Amino acid sequence: MNKRRWLIHLVLRALAHRKGRTALLLAVLAMASSLATALGIVSFSMETRVAEEVRKYGANLIIIPESARLDIGSGGLNFGVVSDPAYLRQSLVEEALVKSGLKAEVSFHLRGALHMKNTDVIAEGVNFSDIRRLFPWWQLNGNWPAVGETVVGSDLALRMKLKAGDVVEMAGVDKKIQLRISGIVSSGGEEDDLLFMALPELQQALGLEGQLTLVRLMVTAGRDSLRQSALTLQRHVPTAKVNEVRQTARTSEGLLAKVKLLMLMVTAVVLVSAGSSVAGTMSTTVLERGKEIGLMKAMGGTRWEVMLIFCGEAAMLGVLGGFAGYLFGSVIAQFITKTVFAASAEFIPWFVFVSLGVSLFLALLGSVGPMISVFRLDPVRSLRGE
């Protein structure tokens, strides 16, 4: 039997002989590595889930046109500012979004006045498929509109005595359009006083083909801050303003940062506790095996060879605990994501190396003190039982 096989045989026999302590160490290492693995997987796949939850708060970035401003006054007198309507070119915004590389849900908007029933109403052109994704809190009484249909805000419908199924005639810049009301929308905001129609139809009615007044974006919460995303996008649309929606931006970034910090702190506490448990158990094992260690040294074993045996035991426990921790951690991660986010966790096979690294680190770190004791142990005194 060569030296390597003899070492493996000795390590296996030593672990098998102390089943209770071996099982305890494996349980501690598996628990620590499984928690680190579970929290790592959840944190890694959490950005998408948090972005989906934060979407309930609406857009976190908006693009608005630079308004044409003219100061009115003479000498030291200032009578105010005249602002002309300003618009964004839809093609320019679409090109800027592609160049910036931002991952975002986008909604294009055009707002203008239409004449209906001897009064002006504010109409907003949108793509209703985008609206349904970005504004899930809208309550619609009726159906989402098809071609030639519109949705009316609840306050506007009450004031104009409109209901679902009515056909309304509106006048734009140079033409009249007829639309059927498919539903009444209520959001608790300014949308309740607006009339919504398909973006191309409103652009044509106002004679503003390819023009927008506002772009709303829901940027996926990630490693880059929303401010950085806004600056990146601003470079590609110099003729417009890119602003953060502060409440949503802070909610998104703050929630993600706090949850990650909580996971990091919990993992650190568990790793410290597990390391202390491993060190205590290994120290007790050394004390119990004092005569055995003294006998190995008396038979010609060097201090480094005896330490190698204990290092081999720790490494084997670390490998077994790491594999067990990865399996248990994956199960825990699935449970957490299904319970909290109602979705499955991502399958990340390379996290097995994280689990092995945590387990081996704890096993070897916890064995440093006991191995120093083995190195200093006097074989004569240990054989005497001193």
Protein backbone atom coordinates (compact mmCIF):
# COMPACT_ATOMS: atom_id res chain seq x y z
CA MET A 1 0.00 0.00 0.00
CA ASN A 2 1.57 3.31 -1.06
CA LYS A 3 1.63 6.39 1.15
CA ARG A 4 -1.36 8.12 -0.48
CA ARG A 5 -3.63 5.10 -0.27
CA TRP A 6 -2.52 4.51 3.30
CA LEU A 7 -3.42 8.12 4.20
CA ILE A 8 -6.89 7.85 2.60
CA HIS A 9 -7.48 4.50 4.35
CA LEU A 10 -6.44 5.96 7.71
CA VAL A 11 -8.65 9.04 7.28
CA LEU A 12 -11.70 6.96 6.34
CA ARG A 13 -11.21 4.58 9.26
CA ALA A 14 -10.79 7.51 11.66
CA LEU A 15 -14.02 9.14 10.45
CA ALA A 16 -15.92 5.85 10.51
CA HIS A 17 -14.69 5.07 14.04
CA ARG A 18 -16.16 8.34 15.39
CA LYS A 19 -19.56 8.25 13.72
CA GLY A 20 -21.20 10.65 16.15
CA ARG A 21 -18.67 13.46 15.82
CA THR A 22 -18.35 12.89 12.07
CA ALA A 23 -22.13 13.19 11.65
CA LEU A 24 -22.17 16.34 13.80
CA LEU A 25 -19.40 18.00 11.79
CA LEU A 26 -21.04 17.04 8.49
CA ALA A 27 -24.37 18.46 9.70
CA VAL A 28 -22.76 21.76 10.74
CA LEU A 29 -20.81 22.13 7.49
CA ALA A 30 -23.82 21.15 5.36
CA MET A 31 -26.05 23.61 7.21
CA ALA A 32 -23.62 26.50 6.77
CA SER A 33 -22.87 25.80 3.10
CA SER A 34 -26.54 25.15 2.31
CA LEU A 35 -27.60 28.49 3.78
CA ALA A 36 -24.82 30.33 1.94
CA THR A 37 -25.83 28.55 -1.28
CA ALA A 38 -29.54 29.21 -0.80
CA LEU A 39 -29.12 32.91 -0.04
CA GLY A 40 -26.62 33.24 -2.88
CA ILE A 41 -29.01 31.69 -5.41
CA VAL A 42 -31.93 33.77 -4.14
CA SER A 43 -29.84 36.96 -4.24
CA PHE A 44 -28.51 36.14 -7.71
CA SER A 45 -31.98 35.58 -9.15
CA MET A 46 -33.72 38.21 -7.02
CA GLU A 47 -33.10 41.23 -9.24
CA THR A 48 -35.64 40.12 -11.82
CA ARG A 49 -38.18 39.22 -9.13
CA VAL A 50 -37.78 42.52 -7.31
CA ALA A 51 -38.11 44.39 -10.60
CA GLU A 52 -41.39 42.60 -11.22
CA GLU A 53 -42.66 43.55 -7.75
CA VAL A 54 -41.50 47.19 -8.06
CA ARG A 55 -43.27 47.46 -11.44
CA LYS A 56 -46.47 47.84 -9.42
CA TYR A 57 -45.26 51.34 -8.54
CA GLY A 58 -45.04 52.41 -12.18
CA ALA A 59 -42.25 53.82 -14.34
CA ASN A 60 -38.96 54.81 -12.71
CA LEU A 61 -37.54 56.89 -15.61
CA ILE A 62 -39.27 59.36 -17.92
CA ILE A 63 -38.11 61.14 -21.07
CA ILE A 64 -39.62 64.54 -21.76
CA PRO A 65 -38.85 67.08 -24.53
CA GLU A 66 -36.92 70.26 -23.97
CA SER A 67 -39.58 73.01 -24.08
CA ALA A 68 -39.00 76.08 -26.20
CA ARG A 69 -38.87 78.98 -23.72
CA LEU A 70 -39.11 82.73 -24.34
CA ASP A 71 -38.69 85.23 -21.49
CA ILE A 72 -41.08 88.18 -21.77
CA GLY A 73 -39.93 91.45 -20.27
CA SER A 74 -37.97 94.64 -20.70
CA GLY A 75 -35.32 96.25 -18.57
CA GLY A 76 -35.78 95.10 -15.00
CA LEU A 77 -39.33 93.83 -15.56
CA ASN A 78 -40.12 90.17 -16.13
CA PHE A 79 -43.63 89.27 -17.26
CA GLY A 80 -43.13 85.53 -17.34
CA VAL A 81 -42.25 82.79 -19.79
CA VAL A 82 -43.97 81.61 -22.96
CA SER A 83 -43.49 77.92 -23.75
CA ASP A 84 -44.33 76.41 -27.12
CA PRO A 85 -45.46 72.81 -27.30
CA ALA A 86 -42.45 70.53 -27.72
CA TYR A 87 -42.33 66.95 -28.91
CA LEU A 88 -40.00 63.98 -29.11
CA ARG A 89 -39.32 62.13 -32.32
CA GLN A 90 -40.40 58.54 -31.73
CA SER A 91 -37.74 57.16 -34.09
CA LEU A 92 -35.02 59.09 -32.22
CA VAL A 93 -36.13 57.67 -28.86
CA GLU A 94 -36.31 54.12 -30.20
CA GLU A 95 -32.80 54.47 -31.63
CA ALA A 96 -31.48 55.87 -28.34
CA LEU A 97 -32.96 52.97 -26.37
CA VAL A 98 -31.22 50.47 -28.63
CA LYS A 99 -27.86 52.27 -28.40
CA SER A 100 -28.02 52.65 -24.61
CA GLY A 101 -28.51 48.91 -24.10
CA LEU A 102 -30.89 49.46 -21.18
CA LYS A 103 -33.18 46.61 -20.18
CA ALA A 104 -36.50 48.36 -19.74
CA GLU A 105 -40.23 48.19 -20.35
CA VAL A 106 -41.18 51.21 -22.48
CA SER A 107 -44.44 53.09 -22.95
CA PHE A 108 -44.83 55.88 -25.55
CA HIS A 109 -47.31 58.70 -24.90
CA LEU A 110 -48.72 61.60 -26.88
CA ARG A 111 -51.07 64.06 -25.19
CA GLY A 112 -53.22 66.63 -26.94
CA ALA A 113 -56.64 68.27 -27.00
CA LEU A 114 -59.63 67.01 -29.03
CA HIS A 115 -62.98 68.77 -29.40
CA MET A 116 -65.98 66.74 -28.25
CA LYS A 117 -69.54 67.86 -27.36
CA ASN A 118 -68.73 71.57 -27.56
CA THR A 119 -65.78 71.24 -25.22
CA ASP A 120 -62.15 70.26 -25.30
CA VAL A 121 -61.01 67.01 -23.71
CA ILE A 122 -57.45 65.90 -23.09
CA ALA A 123 -56.66 62.74 -25.05
CA GLU A 124 -53.62 60.55 -24.59
CA GLY A 125 -52.34 58.20 -27.26
CA VAL A 126 -50.76 55.01 -25.95
CA ASN A 127 -50.01 51.45 -26.92
CA PHE A 128 -52.46 49.52 -24.78
CA SER A 129 -50.32 46.39 -24.66
CA ASP A 130 -47.57 48.45 -22.97
CA ILE A 131 -50.07 50.07 -20.61
CA ARG A 132 -51.32 46.69 -19.41
CA ARG A 133 -47.77 45.64 -18.49
CA LEU A 134 -46.58 48.88 -16.90
CA PHE A 135 -49.76 49.93 -15.08
CA PRO A 136 -51.29 46.76 -13.62
CA TRP A 137 -53.18 48.72 -10.93
CA TRP A 138 -55.55 50.31 -13.46
CA GLN A 139 -59.08 49.12 -12.84
CA LEU A 140 -61.01 48.73 -16.08
CA ASN A 141 -64.78 48.42 -16.17
CA GLY A 142 -65.31 46.89 -19.59
CA ASN A 143 -62.79 45.65 -22.15
CA TRP A 144 -59.45 46.82 -23.44
CA PRO A 145 -59.98 48.60 -26.75
CA ALA A 146 -59.53 47.14 -30.21
CA VAL A 147 -59.04 49.15 -33.42
CA GLY A 148 -61.44 52.11 -33.54
CA GLU A 149 -62.18 52.00 -29.80
CA THR A 150 -61.23 54.12 -26.81
CA VAL A 151 -61.06 53.99 -23.01
CA VAL A 152 -62.32 56.90 -20.91
CA GLY A 153 -61.25 57.92 -17.40
CA SER A 154 -63.92 57.59 -14.71
CA ASP A 155 -64.06 61.32 -13.83
CA LEU A 156 -64.29 62.33 -17.50
CA ALA A 157 -67.02 59.74 -18.11
CA LEU A 158 -69.02 61.05 -15.15
CA ARG A 159 -68.67 64.66 -16.24
CA MET A 160 -69.52 63.97 -19.90
CA LYS A 161 -72.16 61.32 -19.05
CA LEU A 162 -70.39 58.61 -21.02
CA LYS A 163 -70.58 54.85 -20.59
CA ALA A 164 -69.16 51.73 -22.19
CA GLY A 165 -70.70 51.10 -25.59
CA ASP A 166 -71.26 54.75 -26.49
CA VAL A 167 -69.89 56.08 -29.77
CA VAL A 168 -68.24 59.51 -29.51
CA GLU A 169 -67.26 61.89 -32.29
CA MET A 170 -64.19 64.05 -31.81
CA ALA A 171 -62.52 66.66 -33.97
CA GLY A 172 -58.79 66.90 -34.31
CA VAL A 173 -56.68 69.37 -36.27
CA ASP A 174 -58.14 68.75 -39.70
CA LYS A 175 -60.42 65.71 -39.42
CA LYS A 176 -63.13 64.11 -37.34
CA ILE A 177 -62.94 60.64 -35.85
CA GLN A 178 -65.53 58.35 -34.34
CA LEU A 179 -64.57 55.92 -31.59
CA ARG A 180 -66.55 53.42 -29.55
CA ILE A 181 -65.99 53.44 -25.77
CA SER A 182 -64.94 49.92 -24.77
CA GLY A 183 -64.41 50.58 -21.06
CA ILE A 184 -64.11 53.04 -18.18
CA VAL A 185 -60.76 53.16 -16.39
CA SER A 186 -60.07 54.20 -12.81
CA SER A 187 -56.58 54.63 -11.35
CA GLY A 188 -57.00 57.20 -8.59
CA GLY A 189 -54.71 59.61 -10.48
CA GLU A 190 -54.77 62.06 -13.35
CA GLU A 191 -55.67 59.22 -15.73
CA ASP A 192 -59.26 59.41 -14.45
CA ASP A 193 -59.72 62.70 -16.33
CA LEU A 194 -58.24 61.58 -19.65
CA LEU A 195 -59.44 59.86 -22.80
CA PHE A 196 -57.13 57.10 -24.04
CA MET A 197 -56.83 55.97 -27.62
CA ALA A 198 -54.33 54.17 -29.84
CA LEU A 199 -51.15 56.18 -30.33
CA PRO A 200 -51.16 56.11 -34.18
CA GLU A 201 -54.79 57.26 -34.27
CA LEU A 202 -54.11 60.28 -32.03
CA GLN A 203 -50.91 61.14 -33.91
CA GLN A 204 -52.91 61.19 -37.15
CA ALA A 205 -55.80 63.18 -35.61
CA LEU A 206 -53.45 65.86 -34.30
CA GLY A 207 -51.24 65.89 -37.38
CA LEU A 208 -48.23 64.79 -35.31
CA GLU A 209 -47.17 61.56 -36.99
CA GLY A 210 -44.10 60.10 -35.31
CA GLN A 211 -44.18 62.60 -32.41
CA LEU A 212 -44.42 61.99 -28.64
CA THR A 213 -44.82 64.15 -25.55
CA LEU A 214 -43.59 61.63 -22.98
CA VAL A 215 -41.83 58.26 -22.71
CA ARG A 216 -42.11 56.19 -19.53
CA LEU A 217 -39.55 53.48 -18.74
CA MET A 218 -39.43 50.76 -16.13
CA VAL A 219 -35.71 49.99 -15.94
CA THR A 220 -34.83 46.64 -14.44
CA ALA A 221 -33.25 47.05 -11.01
CA GLY A 222 -29.68 45.84 -11.28
CA ARG A 223 -26.11 46.51 -10.27
CA ASP A 224 -26.13 49.95 -11.94
CA SER A 225 -28.08 52.70 -10.21
CA LEU A 226 -31.04 54.36 -11.90
CA ARG A 227 -29.08 57.61 -11.93
CA GLN A 228 -26.39 55.92 -13.99
CA SER A 229 -29.04 54.51 -16.33
CA ALA A 230 -30.52 57.97 -16.73
CA LEU A 231 -27.11 59.47 -17.54
CA THR A 232 -26.42 56.72 -20.07
CA LEU A 233 -29.73 57.33 -21.83
CA GLN A 234 -29.32 61.11 -21.65
CA ARG A 235 -26.14 60.92 -23.75
CA HIS A 236 -28.15 59.40 -26.61
CA VAL A 237 -31.06 61.89 -26.45
CA PRO A 238 -29.34 65.27 -25.98
CA THR A 239 -32.44 67.16 -27.16
CA ALA A 240 -34.60 65.72 -24.35
CA LYS A 241 -34.53 65.40 -20.56
CA VAL A 242 -34.24 62.05 -18.81
CA ASN A 243 -35.54 62.26 -15.24
CA GLU A 244 -35.88 59.78 -12.41
CA VAL A 245 -39.23 59.19 -10.77
CA ARG A 246 -37.77 59.58 -7.29
CA GLN A 247 -40.24 57.57 -5.25
CA THR A 248 -40.07 54.53 -7.51
CA ALA A 249 -36.32 54.82 -8.00
CA ARG A 250 -35.60 54.87 -4.29
CA THR A 251 -38.05 52.05 -3.65
CA SER A 252 -36.41 49.83 -6.26
CA GLU A 253 -32.78 50.41 -5.30
CA GLY A 254 -33.42 50.65 -1.55
CA LEU A 255 -35.44 47.44 -1.40
CA LEU A 256 -32.86 45.48 -3.38
CA ALA A 257 -29.92 46.80 -1.33
CA LYS A 258 -31.59 46.15 2.02
CA VAL A 259 -32.60 42.60 1.16
CA LYS A 260 -29.08 41.80 -0.08
CA LEU A 261 -27.55 43.32 3.06
CA LEU A 262 -29.89 41.25 5.23
CA MET A 263 -28.88 38.07 3.40
CA LEU A 264 -25.19 38.93 3.76
CA MET A 265 -25.51 39.55 7.50
CA VAL A 266 -27.47 36.34 8.11
CA THR A 267 -24.90 34.36 6.12
CA ALA A 268 -22.02 35.95 8.07
CA VAL A 269 -23.63 35.10 11.43
CA VAL A 270 -24.22 31.50 10.37
CA LEU A 271 -20.66 31.10 9.07
CA VAL A 272 -19.16 32.47 12.29
CA SER A 273 -21.35 30.15 14.39
CA ALA A 274 -20.55 27.17 12.19
CA GLY A 275 -16.82 27.93 12.31
CA SER A 276 -16.90 28.10 16.11
CA SER A 277 -18.76 24.79 16.28
CA VAL A 278 -16.27 23.11 13.95
CA ALA A 279 -13.30 24.45 15.93
CA GLY A 280 -14.78 23.27 19.23
CA THR A 281 -15.58 19.80 17.93
CA MET A 282 -12.17 19.37 16.30
CA SER A 283 -10.43 20.52 19.50
CA THR A 284 -12.35 17.94 21.52
CA THR A 285 -11.35 15.28 19.00
CA VAL A 286 -7.65 16.16 19.39
CA LEU A 287 -7.87 15.95 23.17
CA GLU A 288 -9.56 12.54 22.95
CA ARG A 289 -6.94 11.24 20.52
CA GLY A 290 -3.88 12.41 22.43
CA LYS A 291 -2.53 8.92 23.07
CA GLU A 292 -3.20 7.93 19.46
CA ILE A 293 -1.25 10.95 18.23
CA GLY A 294 1.59 10.24 20.66
CA LEU A 295 1.76 6.64 19.48
CA MET A 296 1.97 7.70 15.81
CA LYS A 297 4.82 10.08 16.63
CA ALA A 298 6.59 7.42 18.72
CA MET A 299 6.37 4.99 15.77
CA GLY A 300 8.26 7.43 13.56
CA GLY A 301 5.55 9.68 12.21
CA THR A 302 6.67 13.26 11.83
CA ARG A 303 4.65 16.19 13.07
CA TRP A 304 3.81 17.20 9.48
CA GLU A 305 2.61 13.69 8.64
CA VAL A 306 0.34 13.59 11.68
CA MET A 307 -0.98 17.05 10.82
CA LEU A 308 -1.59 15.83 7.27
CA ILE A 309 -3.95 13.17 8.63
CA PHE A 310 -6.05 15.74 10.46
CA CYS A 311 -5.94 18.06 7.44
CA GLY A 312 -7.15 15.16 5.26
CA GLU A 313 -10.03 14.49 7.66
CA ALA A 314 -11.06 18.17 7.58
CA ALA A 315 -10.81 18.31 3.78
CA MET A 316 -12.91 15.17 3.32
CA LEU A 317 -15.54 16.50 5.73
CA GLY A 318 -15.49 19.80 3.84
CA VAL A 319 -16.04 18.13 0.45
CA LEU A 320 -18.87 15.92 1.71
CA GLY A 321 -20.48 18.83 3.56
CA GLY A 322 -20.15 21.05 0.47
CA PHE A 323 -21.95 18.63 -1.84
CA ALA A 324 -24.68 18.02 0.74
CA GLY A 325 -24.97 21.79 1.31
CA TYR A 326 -25.41 22.47 -2.40
CA LEU A 327 -28.27 19.97 -2.66
CA PHE A 328 -30.02 21.22 0.48
CA GLY A 329 -29.34 24.85 -0.45
CA SER A 330 -30.94 24.44 -3.88
CA VAL A 331 -34.05 23.00 -2.23
CA ILE A 332 -34.15 25.88 0.29
CA ALA A 333 -33.74 28.43 -2.51
CA GLN A 334 -36.66 26.90 -4.41
CA PHE A 335 -38.80 27.06 -1.26
CA ILE A 336 -37.90 30.72 -0.59
CA THR A 337 -38.55 31.92 -4.13
CA LYS A 338 -41.84 30.03 -4.41
CA THR A 339 -43.03 31.32 -1.02
CA VAL A 340 -41.91 34.95 -1.43
CA PHE A 341 -42.00 35.53 -5.20
CA ALA A 342 -44.35 32.72 -6.33
CA ALA A 343 -41.74 31.66 -8.91
CA SER A 344 -39.01 29.06 -9.30
CA ALA A 345 -35.38 29.85 -8.49
CA GLU A 346 -32.86 29.84 -11.28
CA PHE A 347 -30.77 26.67 -11.69
CA ILE A 348 -27.15 27.76 -11.15
CA PRO A 349 -24.85 24.71 -11.32
CA TRP A 350 -21.64 26.66 -10.70
CA PHE A 351 -22.87 27.47 -7.19
CA VAL A 352 -21.66 23.99 -6.22
CA PHE A 353 -18.16 25.51 -6.15
CA VAL A 354 -19.41 28.23 -3.78
CA SER A 355 -20.85 25.57 -1.49
CA LEU A 356 -17.64 23.52 -1.62
CA GLY A 357 -15.55 26.63 -0.97
CA VAL A 358 -17.60 27.64 2.09
CA SER A 359 -17.55 24.11 3.54
CA LEU A 360 -13.81 23.58 2.95
CA PHE A 361 -13.00 27.03 4.33
CA LEU A 362 -14.92 26.37 7.55
CA ALA A 363 -13.53 22.85 7.96
CA LEU A 364 -9.91 23.91 7.44
CA LEU A 365 -10.22 27.17 9.38
CA GLY A 366 -11.83 25.36 12.30
CA SER A 367 -8.97 22.84 12.27
CA VAL A 368 -6.16 25.41 12.48
CA GLY A 369 -6.15 25.54 16.29
CA PRO A 370 -6.37 21.76 16.77
CA MET A 371 -3.62 21.18 14.18
CA ILE A 372 -1.33 23.62 16.02
CA SER A 373 -2.00 21.59 19.17
CA VAL A 374 -1.08 18.42 17.27
CA PHE A 375 2.13 20.03 16.06
CA ARG A 376 3.19 20.97 19.58
CA LEU A 377 2.08 17.74 21.27
CA ASP A 378 4.87 15.89 23.15
CA PRO A 379 4.53 12.13 22.37
CA VAL A 380 6.03 11.05 25.71
CA ARG A 381 3.67 13.14 27.78
CA SER A 382 0.67 12.14 25.66
CA LEU A 383 1.45 8.41 26.09
CA ARG A 384 1.60 8.96 29.82
CA GLY A 385 -1.85 10.54 29.64
CA GLU A 386 -0.58 13.95 30.78
